Amino acid sequence: MPADSLPPLAAIRCFEAAARHRNFTRAGDELGLTQAAVSWQIRALEDRLGAPLFVRGPRGVELTALGAGLLPRVTGAFADLRAAFEDAGRSVGGTLVIDCVATFAMSWLAARLGAFQLRHPDLAVRLHTNARLVDFARDAVDVAIRSGDGRWPGLVVHPLFEVTFTPMASPRLLAAHPMGRPEDLLALPLIDRRDPWWLQWFEDLGIDASEVTRRTDLAVETQALAARAAIAGQGVAMLTPAFFRTEIETGLLVRPFPHVGSRGSHYHLVYPESRRHAPKVRAFRDWLLAEVRAAPPGSGSDE
C-alpha cells in the first residue's frame, strides 16, 4: 500500500475516540485536543473518503453506515498495535509470564517446565498461581492456564485435557477401613467434602449423598494440599488422576473404586488473539501441546 493512501494517524485516532464516546468534546478531552480540532480532523478524514462518517443525533453524534463498518477494523488495528508494542517491551527482558491455577502448576506443570527452559535458555519463565481469572488487559501476563468451558471471548483457547476426579486415600487408611461399596466412603473423613465433586461422584453411582456436605471435615484450597493430607492418612481426597500418577504408581495413594467423574470442564491454555504470533507465546504453546500429546492424561476408569 502506498504510504500516501493511509490517512494521518491523528485523524484515525480522533475518529476512533469520537466513535467510542459518540461525542467530539469527550474525544478531545481524552486526546488532549479541543472539540474544534477533533471536528477538523474528522472532516479531513471524511473529505479524503468522500463520504460522512458521523451524523448529528439527539444525543450527540451517531455513526453512518460507513463509519459503523470502519470502526471495528480501526479498533482492532489499534489493539494489534498496542499488543505489538507490549510484546516488544516484554521481549526485551526475555521473560515469559505464565498465570496458572494452583493445582495444575504444582502437580503437573512445575515438574515439566525445566525441559522448556533447557530448550529456550535465553527465556526466563515466571510462573504465577492464583484462583481468579487473569485480566490480560491489566495484568503483565503472557499466557494463562485455566479451567472451564473454554468460552472466553477475545482469547485463543487450546484445550489441554479434561478435568476428571475420583476418591483417593492412603493404603494405611484403607487397610484400617476396608471398602466393599462406594457408600462405605461416607463413614470416613472426606477431605473438603463441600467440594461439589463429591456430591456428583456419588450421584453418578446412584448413591444418596445428601448428608455429605453437612458434616465438617478438613477443608483445603487446592488438590495438591488435599493429596498431601490424604497421603498423611487424614482422610479421603477427591483428586484428578492425571495430576497424581506418580503417587498412584508408587503406592502413596490408592483409588478404592474405578469410577471417574467429570463435569465437562477442561484445562485450557489461553492468551489474547493479538499475541498469537509472539515468538515466546508460540514457543510455549508448541511445547505444552506436545507435552500433553506425549502423555495424554486419559479420563477413563483405567487411568
C-alpha atoms as a PDB file:
ATOM      1  CA  MET A   1       0.000   0.000   0.000  1.00  0.00           C
ATOM      2  CA  PRO A   2       1.445   3.408  -0.920  1.00  0.00           C
ATOM      3  CA  ALA A   3       2.271   5.490   2.131  1.00  0.00           C
ATOM      4  CA  ASP A   4       0.033   8.341   0.988  1.00  0.00           C
ATOM      5  CA  SER A   5      -3.037   6.049   0.846  1.00  0.00           C
ATOM      6  CA  LEU A   6      -3.103   5.794   4.640  1.00  0.00           C
ATOM      7  CA  PRO A   7      -4.840   8.736   6.348  1.00  0.00           C
ATOM      8  CA  PRO A   8      -2.909  10.581   9.065  1.00  0.00           C
ATOM      9  CA  LEU A   9      -2.792   8.628  12.334  1.00  0.00           C
ATOM     10  CA  ALA A  10      -4.045  11.697  14.236  1.00  0.00           C
ATOM     11  CA  ALA A  11      -7.229  11.719  12.165  1.00  0.00           C
ATOM     12  CA  ILE A  12      -7.757   7.993  12.696  1.00  0.00           C
ATOM     13  CA  ARG A  13      -7.301   8.400  16.468  1.00  0.00           C
ATOM     14  CA  CYS A  14      -9.860  11.206  16.501  1.00  0.00           C
ATOM     15  CA  PHE A  15     -12.334   9.059  14.581  1.00  0.00           C
ATOM     16  CA  GLU A  16     -11.898   6.099  16.952  1.00  0.00           C
ATOM     17  CA  ALA A  17     -12.271   8.207  20.107  1.00  0.00           C
ATOM     18  CA  ALA A  18     -15.261  10.158  18.763  1.00  0.00           C
ATOM     19  CA  ALA A  19     -16.969   6.945  17.650  1.00  0.00           C
ATOM     20  CA  ARG A  20     -16.404   5.362  21.045  1.00  0.00           C
ATOM     21  CA  HIS A  21     -17.666   8.361  23.017  1.00  0.00           C
ATOM     22  CA  ARG A  22     -20.285   9.430  20.462  1.00  0.00           C
ATOM     23  CA  ASN A  23     -19.141  12.929  21.348  1.00  0.00           C
ATOM     24  CA  PHE A  24     -16.440  15.169  19.855  1.00  0.00           C
ATOM     25  CA  THR A  25     -15.845  17.095  23.078  1.00  0.00           C
ATOM     26  CA  ARG A  26     -15.202  13.973  25.173  1.00  0.00           C
ATOM     27  CA  ALA A  27     -12.979  12.608  22.431  1.00  0.00           C
ATOM     28  CA  GLY A  28     -10.972  15.829  22.576  1.00  0.00           C
ATOM     29  CA  ASP A  29     -10.681  15.581  26.366  1.00  0.00           C
ATOM     30  CA  GLU A  30      -9.256  12.080  26.010  1.00  0.00           C
ATOM     31  CA  LEU A  31      -6.783  13.082  23.317  1.00  0.00           C
ATOM     32  CA  GLY A  32      -5.821  16.468  24.733  1.00  0.00           C
ATOM     33  CA  LEU A  33      -7.430  18.348  21.841  1.00  0.00           C
ATOM     34  CA  THR A  34     -10.164  20.921  21.525  1.00  0.00           C
ATOM     35  CA  GLN A  35     -13.564  19.978  20.158  1.00  0.00           C
ATOM     36  CA  ALA A  36     -12.811  22.100  17.095  1.00  0.00           C
ATOM     37  CA  ALA A  37      -9.550  20.230  16.462  1.00  0.00           C
ATOM     38  CA  VAL A  38     -11.316  16.863  16.640  1.00  0.00           C
ATOM     39  CA  SER A  39     -14.018  18.125  14.293  1.00  0.00           C
ATOM     40  CA  TRP A  40     -11.368  19.382  11.837  1.00  0.00           C
ATOM     41  CA  GLN A  41      -9.507  16.047  11.825  1.00  0.00           C
ATOM     42  CA  ILE A  42     -12.705  14.083  11.220  1.00  0.00           C
ATOM     43  CA  ARG A  43     -13.811  16.460   8.483  1.00  0.00           C
ATOM     44  CA  ALA A  44     -10.436  15.977   6.783  1.00  0.00           C
ATOM     45  CA  LEU A  45     -10.914  12.218   7.035  1.00  0.00           C
ATOM     46  CA  GLU A  46     -14.417  12.461   5.559  1.00  0.00           C
ATOM     47  CA  ASP A  47     -13.114  14.635   2.711  1.00  0.00           C
ATOM     48  CA  ARG A  48     -10.490  12.006   1.990  1.00  0.00           C
ATOM     49  CA  LEU A  49     -13.115   9.246   1.917  1.00  0.00           C
ATOM     50  CA  GLY A  50     -15.679  11.309   0.053  1.00  0.00           C
ATOM     51  CA  ALA A  51     -18.474  10.396   2.464  1.00  0.00           C
ATOM     52  CA  PRO A  52     -19.572  11.331   6.011  1.00  0.00           C
ATOM     53  CA  LEU A  53     -18.615   9.187   9.000  1.00  0.00           C
ATOM     54  CA  PHE A  54     -20.959  10.851  11.511  1.00  0.00           C
ATOM     55  CA  VAL A  55     -24.405  12.444  11.552  1.00  0.00           C
ATOM     56  CA  ARG A  56     -25.871  14.645  14.261  1.00  0.00           C
ATOM     57  CA  GLY A  57     -28.273  12.788  16.567  1.00  0.00           C
ATOM     58  CA  PRO A  58     -30.496  13.758  19.506  1.00  0.00           C
ATOM     59  CA  ARG A  59     -27.814  12.683  21.995  1.00  0.00           C
ATOM     60  CA  GLY A  60     -24.692  13.747  20.150  1.00  0.00           C
ATOM     61  CA  VAL A  61     -23.201  12.264  17.020  1.00  0.00           C
ATOM     62  CA  GLU A  62     -24.056   8.893  15.504  1.00  0.00           C
ATOM     63  CA  LEU A  63     -22.053   6.790  13.092  1.00  0.00           C
ATOM     64  CA  THR A  64     -23.146   6.485   9.492  1.00  0.00           C
ATOM     65  CA  ALA A  65     -23.158   3.048   7.865  1.00  0.00           C
ATOM     66  CA  LEU A  66     -19.668   3.782   6.546  1.00  0.00           C
ATOM     67  CA  GLY A  67     -18.435   4.812   9.987  1.00  0.00           C
ATOM     68  CA  ALA A  68     -20.030   1.791  11.693  1.00  0.00           C
ATOM     69  CA  GLY A  69     -18.356  -0.541   9.231  1.00  0.00           C
ATOM     70  CA  LEU A  70     -14.990   1.135   9.655  1.00  0.00           C
ATOM     71  CA  LEU A  71     -14.956   1.297  13.466  1.00  0.00           C
ATOM     72  CA  PRO A  72     -14.336  -2.390  14.375  1.00  0.00           C
ATOM     73  CA  ARG A  73     -11.457  -2.608  11.922  1.00  0.00           C
ATOM     74  CA  VAL A  74      -9.892   0.574  13.295  1.00  0.00           C
ATOM     75  CA  THR A  75     -10.398  -0.621  16.875  1.00  0.00           C
ATOM     76  CA  GLY A  76      -8.811  -3.974  16.028  1.00  0.00           C
ATOM     77  CA  ALA A  77      -5.867  -2.284  14.346  1.00  0.00           C
ATOM     78  CA  PHE A  78      -5.196  -0.134  17.416  1.00  0.00           C
ATOM     79  CA  ALA A  79      -5.464  -3.232  19.642  1.00  0.00           C
ATOM     80  CA  ASP A  80      -2.900  -5.004  17.469  1.00  0.00           C
ATOM     81  CA  LEU A  81      -0.579  -2.006  17.667  1.00  0.00           C
ATOM     82  CA  ARG A  82      -0.856  -1.855  21.458  1.00  0.00           C
ATOM     83  CA  ALA A  83      -0.223  -5.585  21.757  1.00  0.00           C
ATOM     84  CA  ALA A  84       2.738  -5.393  19.387  1.00  0.00           C
ATOM     85  CA  PHE A  85       4.451  -2.732  21.481  1.00  0.00           C
ATOM     86  CA  GLU A  86       3.560  -4.519  24.734  1.00  0.00           C
ATOM     87  CA  ASP A  87       5.069  -7.741  23.396  1.00  0.00           C
ATOM     88  CA  ALA A  88       8.134  -5.887  22.157  1.00  0.00           C
ATOM     89  CA  GLY A  89       8.584  -4.377  25.593  1.00  0.00           C
ATOM     90  CA  ARG A  90       8.263  -7.740  27.288  1.00  0.00           C
ATOM     91  CA  SER A  91      10.567  -9.488  24.852  1.00  0.00           C
ATOM     92  CA  VAL A  92      13.359  -7.051  25.713  1.00  0.00           C
ATOM     93  CA  GLY A  93      13.638  -8.735  29.111  1.00  0.00           C
ATOM     94  CA  GLY A  94      13.309 -12.211  27.612  1.00  0.00           C
ATOM     95  CA  THR A  95      10.608 -13.158  30.121  1.00  0.00           C
ATOM     96  CA  LEU A  96       7.551 -15.379  29.705  1.00  0.00           C
ATOM     97  CA  VAL A  97       4.933 -14.806  32.410  1.00  0.00           C
ATOM     98  CA  ILE A  98       2.529 -17.721  32.962  1.00  0.00           C
ATOM     99  CA  ASP A  99      -0.574 -17.417  35.132  1.00  0.00           C
ATOM    100  CA  CYS A 100      -1.883 -20.813  36.219  1.00  0.00           C
ATOM    101  CA  VAL A 101      -4.408 -22.428  38.538  1.00  0.00           C
ATOM    102  CA  ALA A 102      -2.502 -23.694  41.563  1.00  0.00           C
ATOM    103  CA  THR A 103      -3.104 -27.438  41.299  1.00  0.00           C
ATOM    104  CA  PHE A 104      -2.146 -27.591  37.620  1.00  0.00           C
ATOM    105  CA  ALA A 105       1.012 -25.619  38.378  1.00  0.00           C
ATOM    106  CA  MET A 106       2.077 -27.650  41.415  1.00  0.00           C
ATOM    107  CA  SER A 107       1.004 -31.118  40.307  1.00  0.00           C
ATOM    108  CA  TRP A 108       1.738 -31.097  36.569  1.00  0.00           C
ATOM    109  CA  LEU A 109       3.397 -28.042  35.035  1.00  0.00           C
ATOM    110  CA  ALA A 110       6.188 -27.234  37.502  1.00  0.00           C
ATOM    111  CA  ALA A 111       7.799 -30.656  37.109  1.00  0.00           C
ATOM    112  CA  ARG A 112       7.975 -30.194  33.332  1.00  0.00           C
ATOM    113  CA  LEU A 113       8.999 -26.539  32.990  1.00  0.00           C
ATOM    114  CA  GLY A 114      12.675 -27.395  33.342  1.00  0.00           C
ATOM    115  CA  ALA A 115      12.574 -29.113  29.953  1.00  0.00           C
ATOM    116  CA  PHE A 116      11.105 -25.986  28.389  1.00  0.00           C
ATOM    117  CA  GLN A 117      13.826 -23.835  29.975  1.00  0.00           C
ATOM    118  CA  LEU A 118      16.557 -26.131  28.639  1.00  0.00           C
ATOM    119  CA  ARG A 119      15.113 -25.763  25.157  1.00  0.00           C
ATOM    120  CA  HIS A 120      14.907 -21.965  25.495  1.00  0.00           C
ATOM    121  CA  PRO A 121      17.831 -20.930  27.744  1.00  0.00           C
ATOM    122  CA  ASP A 122      17.531 -17.237  26.851  1.00  0.00           C
ATOM    123  CA  LEU A 123      13.923 -17.040  28.001  1.00  0.00           C
ATOM    124  CA  ALA A 124      13.238 -16.518  31.705  1.00  0.00           C
ATOM    125  CA  VAL A 125       9.989 -18.038  32.979  1.00  0.00           C
ATOM    126  CA  ARG A 126       7.791 -16.594  35.720  1.00  0.00           C
ATOM    127  CA  LEU A 127       5.053 -18.932  36.967  1.00  0.00           C
ATOM    128  CA  HIS A 128       2.283 -17.272  38.990  1.00  0.00           C
ATOM    129  CA  THR A 129      -0.666 -19.036  40.626  1.00  0.00           C
ATOM    130  CA  ASN A 130      -4.000 -17.629  41.703  1.00  0.00           C
ATOM    131  CA  ALA A 131      -7.664 -18.595  41.814  1.00  0.00           C
ATOM    132  CA  ARG A 132      -9.052 -15.689  39.785  1.00  0.00           C
ATOM    133  CA  LEU A 133      -9.254 -15.231  36.039  1.00  0.00           C
ATOM    134  CA  VAL A 134      -6.337 -13.124  34.874  1.00  0.00           C
ATOM    135  CA  ASP A 135      -7.146  -9.852  33.131  1.00  0.00           C
ATOM    136  CA  PHE A 136      -4.779  -9.724  30.154  1.00  0.00           C
ATOM    137  CA  ALA A 137      -5.539  -6.050  29.590  1.00  0.00           C
ATOM    138  CA  ARG A 138      -4.409  -5.141  33.108  1.00  0.00           C
ATOM    139  CA  ASP A 139      -2.007  -7.831  34.321  1.00  0.00           C
ATOM    140  CA  ALA A 140       1.523  -8.323  32.979  1.00  0.00           C
ATOM    141  CA  VAL A 141       0.833 -11.899  31.889  1.00  0.00           C
ATOM    142  CA  ASP A 142       1.670 -13.544  28.558  1.00  0.00           C
ATOM    143  CA  VAL A 143      -0.318 -16.786  28.771  1.00  0.00           C
ATOM    144  CA  ALA A 144      -2.639 -18.440  31.263  1.00  0.00           C
ATOM    145  CA  ILE A 145      -3.851 -21.922  32.094  1.00  0.00           C
ATOM    146  CA  ARG A 146      -7.372 -22.029  33.445  1.00  0.00           C
ATOM    147  CA  SER A 147     -10.216 -24.496  33.816  1.00  0.00           C
ATOM    148  CA  GLY A 148     -13.708 -24.035  32.425  1.00  0.00           C
ATOM    149  CA  ASP A 149     -15.833 -24.492  29.344  1.00  0.00           C
ATOM    150  CA  GLY A 150     -13.419 -22.694  27.022  1.00  0.00           C
ATOM    151  CA  ARG A 151     -15.751 -19.828  26.157  1.00  0.00           C
ATOM    152  CA  TRP A 152     -13.664 -16.708  26.735  1.00  0.00           C
ATOM    153  CA  PRO A 153     -14.268 -14.069  24.040  1.00  0.00           C
ATOM    154  CA  GLY A 154     -11.171 -12.397  22.654  1.00  0.00           C
ATOM    155  CA  LEU A 155      -8.828 -15.211  23.700  1.00  0.00           C
ATOM    156  CA  VAL A 156      -7.184 -18.000  21.740  1.00  0.00           C
ATOM    157  CA  VAL A 157      -8.117 -21.229  23.546  1.00  0.00           C
ATOM    158  CA  HIS A 158      -6.262 -24.572  23.354  1.00  0.00           C
ATOM    159  CA  PRO A 159      -7.907 -27.449  25.288  1.00  0.00           C
ATOM    160  CA  LEU A 160      -5.309 -29.456  27.211  1.00  0.00           C
ATOM    161  CA  PHE A 161      -7.254 -32.197  28.957  1.00  0.00           C
ATOM    162  CA  GLU A 162     -10.495 -32.920  30.728  1.00  0.00           C
ATOM    163  CA  VAL A 163     -10.932 -32.239  34.428  1.00  0.00           C
ATOM    164  CA  THR A 164     -11.761 -35.618  35.986  1.00  0.00           C
ATOM    165  CA  PHE A 165     -11.989 -36.720  39.605  1.00  0.00           C
ATOM    166  CA  THR A 166     -12.089 -39.837  41.775  1.00  0.00           C
ATOM    167  CA  PRO A 167     -11.539 -40.593  45.506  1.00  0.00           C
ATOM    168  CA  MET A 168      -8.027 -41.442  46.687  1.00  0.00           C
ATOM    169  CA  ALA A 169      -6.612 -42.332  50.087  1.00  0.00           C
ATOM    170  CA  SER A 170      -3.518 -43.749  51.733  1.00  0.00           C
ATOM    171  CA  PRO A 171      -3.214 -47.554  51.743  1.00  0.00           C
ATOM    172  CA  ARG A 172      -2.914 -47.424  55.533  1.00  0.00           C
ATOM    173  CA  LEU A 173      -6.286 -45.712  55.915  1.00  0.00           C
ATOM    174  CA  LEU A 174      -7.996 -48.126  53.534  1.00  0.00           C
ATOM    175  CA  ALA A 175      -6.418 -51.136  55.262  1.00  0.00           C
ATOM    176  CA  ALA A 176      -7.912 -49.940  58.547  1.00  0.00           C
ATOM    177  CA  HIS A 177     -11.304 -49.351  56.917  1.00  0.00           C
ATOM    178  CA  PRO A 178     -11.905 -51.967  54.194  1.00  0.00           C
ATOM    179  CA  MET A 179     -14.095 -50.692  51.361  1.00  0.00           C
ATOM    180  CA  GLY A 180     -16.704 -53.014  49.878  1.00  0.00           C
ATOM    181  CA  ARG A 181     -19.079 -50.479  48.333  1.00  0.00           C
ATOM    182  CA  PRO A 182     -18.666 -46.824  47.321  1.00  0.00           C
ATOM    183  CA  GLU A 183     -21.124 -45.725  50.021  1.00  0.00           C
ATOM    184  CA  ASP A 184     -18.673 -47.066  52.630  1.00  0.00           C
ATOM    185  CA  LEU A 185     -16.630 -43.927  51.956  1.00  0.00           C
ATOM    186  CA  LEU A 186     -19.293 -41.876  53.720  1.00  0.00           C
ATOM    187  CA  ALA A 187     -18.141 -43.310  57.047  1.00  0.00           C
ATOM    188  CA  LEU A 188     -14.627 -41.906  56.585  1.00  0.00           C
ATOM    189  CA  PRO A 189     -13.342 -38.331  56.861  1.00  0.00           C
ATOM    190  CA  LEU A 190     -13.768 -36.764  53.423  1.00  0.00           C
ATOM    191  CA  ILE A 191     -11.261 -34.004  52.749  1.00  0.00           C
ATOM    192  CA  ASP A 192     -13.003 -30.855  51.534  1.00  0.00           C
ATOM    193  CA  ARG A 193     -16.386 -32.584  51.453  1.00  0.00           C
ATOM    194  CA  ARG A 194     -18.083 -29.335  50.390  1.00  0.00           C
ATOM    195  CA  ASP A 195     -16.406 -29.649  47.019  1.00  0.00           C
ATOM    196  CA  PRO A 196     -19.267 -30.335  44.539  1.00  0.00           C
ATOM    197  CA  TRP A 197     -17.186 -33.124  43.012  1.00  0.00           C
ATOM    198  CA  TRP A 198     -18.043 -35.315  45.990  1.00  0.00           C
ATOM    199  CA  LEU A 199     -21.775 -34.988  45.520  1.00  0.00           C
ATOM    200  CA  GLN A 200     -21.540 -35.590  41.783  1.00  0.00           C
ATOM    201  CA  TRP A 201     -19.295 -38.632  42.139  1.00  0.00           C
ATOM    202  CA  PHE A 202     -21.774 -40.301  44.488  1.00  0.00           C
ATOM    203  CA  GLU A 203     -24.752 -39.269  42.361  1.00  0.00           C
ATOM    204  CA  ASP A 204     -23.085 -40.782  39.278  1.00  0.00           C
ATOM    205  CA  LEU A 205     -23.248 -44.117  41.107  1.00  0.00           C
ATOM    206  CA  GLY A 206     -26.845 -43.644  42.226  1.00  0.00           C
ATOM    207  CA  ILE A 207     -25.890 -43.066  45.860  1.00  0.00           C
ATOM    208  CA  ASP A 208     -27.817 -40.600  48.018  1.00  0.00           C
ATOM    209  CA  ALA A 209     -25.054 -38.448  49.470  1.00  0.00           C
ATOM    210  CA  SER A 210     -27.200 -35.513  50.574  1.00  0.00           C
ATOM    211  CA  GLU A 211     -25.566 -35.679  54.003  1.00  0.00           C
ATOM    212  CA  VAL A 212     -22.078 -35.420  52.555  1.00  0.00           C
ATOM    213  CA  THR A 213     -21.869 -31.621  52.726  1.00  0.00           C
ATOM    214  CA  ARG A 214     -23.462 -31.280  56.150  1.00  0.00           C
ATOM    215  CA  ARG A 215     -20.525 -32.618  58.114  1.00  0.00           C
ATOM    216  CA  THR A 216     -17.385 -30.619  58.698  1.00  0.00           C
ATOM    217  CA  ASP A 217     -14.125 -32.391  57.990  1.00  0.00           C
ATOM    218  CA  LEU A 218     -10.793 -30.947  56.860  1.00  0.00           C
ATOM    219  CA  ALA A 219     -11.119 -28.283  54.133  1.00  0.00           C
ATOM    220  CA  VAL A 220      -8.222 -27.179  51.905  1.00  0.00           C
ATOM    221  CA  GLU A 221      -7.859 -24.810  48.957  1.00  0.00           C
ATOM    222  CA  THR A 222      -6.095 -26.953  46.354  1.00  0.00           C
ATOM    223  CA  GLN A 223      -5.891 -30.553  45.190  1.00  0.00           C
ATOM    224  CA  ALA A 224      -2.173 -30.543  45.941  1.00  0.00           C
ATOM    225  CA  LEU A 225      -2.887 -29.859  49.613  1.00  0.00           C
ATOM    226  CA  ALA A 226      -5.727 -32.387  49.649  1.00  0.00           C
ATOM    227  CA  ALA A 227      -3.381 -35.034  48.251  1.00  0.00           C
ATOM    228  CA  ARG A 228      -0.755 -34.329  50.899  1.00  0.00           C
ATOM    229  CA  ALA A 229      -3.413 -34.662  53.613  1.00  0.00           C
ATOM    230  CA  ALA A 230      -4.656 -37.929  52.117  1.00  0.00           C
ATOM    231  CA  ILE A 231      -1.127 -39.360  51.946  1.00  0.00           C
ATOM    232  CA  ALA A 232      -0.749 -38.495  55.634  1.00  0.00           C
ATOM    233  CA  GLY A 233      -3.870 -40.544  56.396  1.00  0.00           C
ATOM    234  CA  GLN A 234      -6.070 -37.572  57.267  1.00  0.00           C
ATOM    235  CA  GLY A 235      -8.956 -38.766  55.093  1.00  0.00           C
ATOM    236  CA  VAL A 236     -10.112 -39.458  51.550  1.00  0.00           C
ATOM    237  CA  ALA A 237      -9.465 -36.798  48.897  1.00  0.00           C
ATOM    238  CA  MET A 238     -11.285 -36.227  45.610  1.00  0.00           C
ATOM    239  CA  LEU A 239      -8.488 -35.793  43.084  1.00  0.00           C
ATOM    240  CA  THR A 240      -7.726 -35.608  39.367  1.00  0.00           C
ATOM    241  CA  PRO A 241      -5.849 -38.829  38.470  1.00  0.00           C
ATOM    242  CA  ALA A 242      -3.658 -37.177  35.835  1.00  0.00           C
ATOM    243  CA  PHE A 243      -2.065 -34.973  38.475  1.00  0.00           C
ATOM    244  CA  PHE A 244      -1.098 -37.784  40.829  1.00  0.00           C
ATOM    245  CA  ARG A 245       0.191 -40.574  38.605  1.00  0.00           C
ATOM    246  CA  THR A 246       3.469 -40.840  40.492  1.00  0.00           C
ATOM    247  CA  GLU A 247       1.723 -41.108  43.857  1.00  0.00           C
ATOM    248  CA  ILE A 248      -0.593 -43.792  42.467  1.00  0.00           C
ATOM    249  CA  GLU A 249       2.211 -45.749  40.780  1.00  0.00           C
ATOM    250  CA  THR A 250       4.382 -45.694  43.921  1.00  0.00           C
ATOM    251  CA  GLY A 251       1.502 -46.694  46.193  1.00  0.00           C
ATOM    252  CA  LEU A 252       1.329 -43.478  48.196  1.00  0.00           C
ATOM    253  CA  LEU A 253      -2.273 -43.073  47.061  1.00  0.00           C
ATOM    254  CA  VAL A 254      -4.837 -45.751  46.263  1.00  0.00           C
ATOM    255  CA  ARG A 255      -8.045 -45.470  44.267  1.00  0.00           C
ATOM    256  CA  PRO A 256     -10.574 -47.653  46.115  1.00  0.00           C
ATOM    257  CA  PHE A 257     -13.124 -47.551  43.276  1.00  0.00           C
ATOM    258  CA  PRO A 258     -12.706 -47.304  39.491  1.00  0.00           C
ATOM    259  CA  HIS A 259     -15.379 -44.716  38.685  1.00  0.00           C
ATOM    260  CA  VAL A 260     -14.022 -41.369  37.431  1.00  0.00           C
ATOM    261  CA  GLY A 261     -16.348 -38.362  37.422  1.00  0.00           C
ATOM    262  CA  SER A 262     -16.398 -35.373  35.109  1.00  0.00           C
ATOM    263  CA  ARG A 263     -18.385 -32.161  34.800  1.00  0.00           C
ATOM    264  CA  GLY A 264     -17.443 -31.464  31.192  1.00  0.00           C
ATOM    265  CA  SER A 265     -14.772 -28.932  32.160  1.00  0.00           C
ATOM    266  CA  HIS A 266     -11.266 -28.834  30.689  1.00  0.00           C
ATOM    267  CA  TYR A 267      -7.942 -27.214  31.414  1.00  0.00           C
ATOM    268  CA  HIS A 268      -7.034 -24.769  28.653  1.00  0.00           C
ATOM    269  CA  LEU A 269      -4.055 -22.729  27.544  1.00  0.00           C
ATOM    270  CA  VAL A 270      -5.286 -19.222  26.714  1.00  0.00           C
ATOM    271  CA  TYR A 271      -3.833 -15.930  25.502  1.00  0.00           C
ATOM    272  CA  PRO A 272      -5.088 -12.845  23.646  1.00  0.00           C
ATOM    273  CA  GLU A 273      -5.599 -13.136  19.902  1.00  0.00           C
ATOM    274  CA  SER A 274      -3.169 -10.241  19.450  1.00  0.00           C
ATOM    275  CA  ARG A 275      -0.325 -12.342  20.947  1.00  0.00           C
ATOM    276  CA  ARG A 276      -0.878 -15.397  18.769  1.00  0.00           C
ATOM    277  CA  HIS A 277       2.317 -14.777  16.791  1.00  0.00           C
ATOM    278  CA  ALA A 278       4.577 -13.572  19.624  1.00  0.00           C
ATOM    279  CA  PRO A 279       7.661 -15.847  19.469  1.00  0.00           C
ATOM    280  CA  LYS A 280       7.719 -16.678  23.179  1.00  0.00           C
ATOM    281  CA  VAL A 281       3.985 -17.463  23.214  1.00  0.00           C
ATOM    282  CA  ARG A 282       4.322 -19.690  20.156  1.00  0.00           C
ATOM    283  CA  ALA A 283       7.301 -21.472  21.716  1.00  0.00           C
ATOM    284  CA  PHE A 284       5.451 -22.208  24.949  1.00  0.00           C
ATOM    285  CA  ARG A 285       2.241 -23.195  23.149  1.00  0.00           C
ATOM    286  CA  ASP A 286       4.004 -25.649  20.845  1.00  0.00           C
ATOM    287  CA  TRP A 287       5.982 -27.182  23.706  1.00  0.00           C
ATOM    288  CA  LEU A 288       2.980 -27.510  26.041  1.00  0.00           C
ATOM    289  CA  LEU A 289       0.695 -29.072  23.431  1.00  0.00           C
ATOM    290  CA  ALA A 290       3.454 -31.551  22.551  1.00  0.00           C
ATOM    291  CA  GLU A 291       3.819 -32.470  26.237  1.00  0.00           C
ATOM    292  CA  VAL A 292       0.093 -33.138  26.521  1.00  0.00           C
ATOM    293  CA  ARG A 293       0.085 -35.238  23.337  1.00  0.00           C
ATOM    294  CA  ALA A 294       3.086 -37.243  24.538  1.00  0.00           C
ATOM    295  CA  ALA A 295       1.414 -38.178  27.816  1.00  0.00           C
ATOM    296  CA  PRO A 296      -2.365 -37.872  27.396  1.00  0.00           C
ATOM    297  CA  PRO A 297      -3.891 -37.928  30.862  1.00  0.00           C
ATOM    298  CA  GLY A 298      -6.851 -40.134  29.939  1.00  0.00           C
ATOM    299  CA  SER A 299     -10.135 -39.896  31.772  1.00  0.00           C
ATOM    300  CA  GLY A 300     -11.407 -43.434  31.793  1.00  0.00           C
ATOM    301  CA  SER A 301     -11.681 -45.776  34.766  1.00  0.00           C
ATOM    302  CA  ASP A 302      -8.409 -47.434  33.822  1.00  0.00           C
ATOM    303  CA  GLU A 303      -6.467 -44.234  34.378  1.00  0.00           C
END
